């Protein structure tokens, strides 16, 4: 069950869901607990920037993301 919750949290954080919303979905009373538990899963600023640019410009013809 722990692995499933961890996977669920990682998917939502990667998709840009807020820690507050994720905290509610997981049944945590304190978003700080969620943040401390799942911080290592949050995309870095570099990852978010790359995805934003890729979304606007698309990826390269060979399917690799631009970076």
C-alpha atoms as a PDB file:
ATOM      1  CA  UNK A   1       0.000   0.000   0.000  1.00  0.00           C
ATOM      2  CA  UNK A   2       2.872   2.377   0.814  1.00  0.00           C
ATOM      3  CA  UNK A   3       4.358   1.931  -2.664  1.00  0.00           C
ATOM      4  CA  UNK A   4       1.007   2.689  -4.292  1.00  0.00           C
ATOM      5  CA  UNK A   5       0.569   5.890  -2.255  1.00  0.00           C
ATOM      6  CA  UNK A   6       4.137   6.911  -3.110  1.00  0.00           C
ATOM      7  CA  UNK A   7       3.505   6.275  -6.817  1.00  0.00           C
ATOM      8  CA  UNK A   8       0.226   8.229  -6.669  1.00  0.00           C
ATOM      9  CA  UNK A   9       1.948  11.167  -4.991  1.00  0.00           C
ATOM     10  CA  UNK A  10       4.827  11.145  -7.469  1.00  0.00           C
ATOM     11  CA  UNK A  11       2.485  11.152 -10.478  1.00  0.00           C
ATOM     12  CA  UNK A  12       0.446  14.056  -9.121  1.00  0.00           C
ATOM     13  CA  UNK A  13       3.475  16.116  -8.113  1.00  0.00           C
ATOM     14  CA  UNK A  14       5.093  15.538 -11.497  1.00  0.00           C
ATOM     15  CA  UNK A  15       1.865  16.711 -13.149  1.00  0.00           C
ATOM     16  CA  UNK A  16       2.053  19.939 -11.146  1.00  0.00           C
ATOM     17  CA  UNK A  17      -0.568  19.263  -8.478  1.00  0.00           C
ATOM     18  CA  UNK A  18      -0.204  21.446  -5.413  1.00  0.00           C
ATOM     19  CA  UNK A  19       1.084  20.048  -2.140  1.00  0.00           C
ATOM     20  CA  UNK A  20      -2.067  21.316  -0.405  1.00  0.00           C
ATOM     21  CA  UNK A  21      -4.345  19.384  -2.773  1.00  0.00           C
ATOM     22  CA  UNK A  22      -2.146  16.285  -2.588  1.00  0.00           C
ATOM     23  CA  UNK A  23      -2.261  16.489   1.188  1.00  0.00           C
ATOM     24  CA  UNK A  24      -6.056  16.442   1.067  1.00  0.00           C
ATOM     25  CA  UNK A  25      -6.124  13.533  -1.409  1.00  0.00           C
ATOM     26  CA  UNK A  26      -3.814  11.492   0.828  1.00  0.00           C
ATOM     27  CA  UNK A  27      -5.772  12.330   3.973  1.00  0.00           C
ATOM     28  CA  UNK A  28      -2.960  14.250   5.647  1.00  0.00           C
ATOM     29  CA  UNK A  29      -4.147  16.885   8.120  1.00  0.00           C
ATOM     30  CA  UNK A  30      -0.972  18.931   7.621  1.00  0.00           C
ATOM     31  CA  UNK A  31       0.364  19.836   4.141  1.00  0.00           C
ATOM     32  CA  UNK A  32       3.747  20.255   5.857  1.00  0.00           C
ATOM     33  CA  UNK A  33       3.790  16.525   6.555  1.00  0.00           C
ATOM     34  CA  UNK A  34       3.065  15.823   2.890  1.00  0.00           C
ATOM     35  CA  UNK A  35       5.818  18.214   1.858  1.00  0.00           C
ATOM     36  CA  UNK A  36       8.360  16.638   4.214  1.00  0.00           C
ATOM     37  CA  UNK A  37       7.398  13.139   3.082  1.00  0.00           C
ATOM     38  CA  UNK A  38       7.308  13.706  -0.672  1.00  0.00           C
ATOM     39  CA  UNK A  39       9.653  16.658  -1.326  1.00  0.00           C
ATOM     40  CA  UNK A  40      12.195  14.401  -3.020  1.00  0.00           C
ATOM     41  CA  UNK A  41       9.566  13.570  -5.664  1.00  0.00           C
ATOM     42  CA  UNK A  42       8.894  17.160  -6.674  1.00  0.00           C
ATOM     43  CA  UNK A  43      10.199  18.190 -10.084  1.00  0.00           C
ATOM     44  CA  UNK A  44      13.119  20.573 -10.028  1.00  0.00           C
ATOM     45  CA  UNK A  45      12.892  24.063 -11.425  1.00  0.00           C
ATOM     46  CA  UNK A  46      14.974  22.848 -14.365  1.00  0.00           C
ATOM     47  CA  UNK A  47      12.490  20.032 -15.059  1.00  0.00           C
ATOM     48  CA  UNK A  48       9.526  22.427 -14.952  1.00  0.00           C
ATOM     49  CA  UNK A  49      11.300  24.874 -17.245  1.00  0.00           C
ATOM     50  CA  UNK A  50      12.198  22.159 -19.742  1.00  0.00           C
ATOM     51  CA  UNK A  51       8.613  20.853 -19.829  1.00  0.00           C
ATOM     52  CA  UNK A  52       7.208  24.365 -20.292  1.00  0.00           C
ATOM     53  CA  UNK A  53       9.508  25.047 -23.239  1.00  0.00           C
ATOM     54  CA  UNK A  54       8.858  21.603 -24.743  1.00  0.00           C
ATOM     55  CA  UNK A  55       5.117  22.202 -24.456  1.00  0.00           C
ATOM     56  CA  UNK A  56       5.378  25.433 -26.443  1.00  0.00           C
ATOM     57  CA  UNK A  57       7.995  24.367 -28.973  1.00  0.00           C
ATOM     58  CA  UNK A  58       7.428  20.634 -29.035  1.00  0.00           C
ATOM     59  CA  UNK A  59      10.151  18.069 -28.782  1.00  0.00           C
ATOM     60  CA  UNK A  60      12.821  17.383 -31.352  1.00  0.00           C
ATOM     61  CA  UNK A  61      11.931  15.280 -34.435  1.00  0.00           C
ATOM     62  CA  UNK A  62      13.649  12.185 -33.010  1.00  0.00           C
ATOM     63  CA  UNK A  63      11.310  12.313 -30.002  1.00  0.00           C
ATOM     64  CA  UNK A  64      13.907  13.395 -27.466  1.00  0.00           C
ATOM     65  CA  UNK A  65      13.026  16.273 -25.210  1.00  0.00           C
ATOM     66  CA  UNK A  66      14.983  19.459 -25.767  1.00  0.00           C
ATOM     67  CA  UNK A  67      17.456  20.378 -23.091  1.00  0.00           C
END
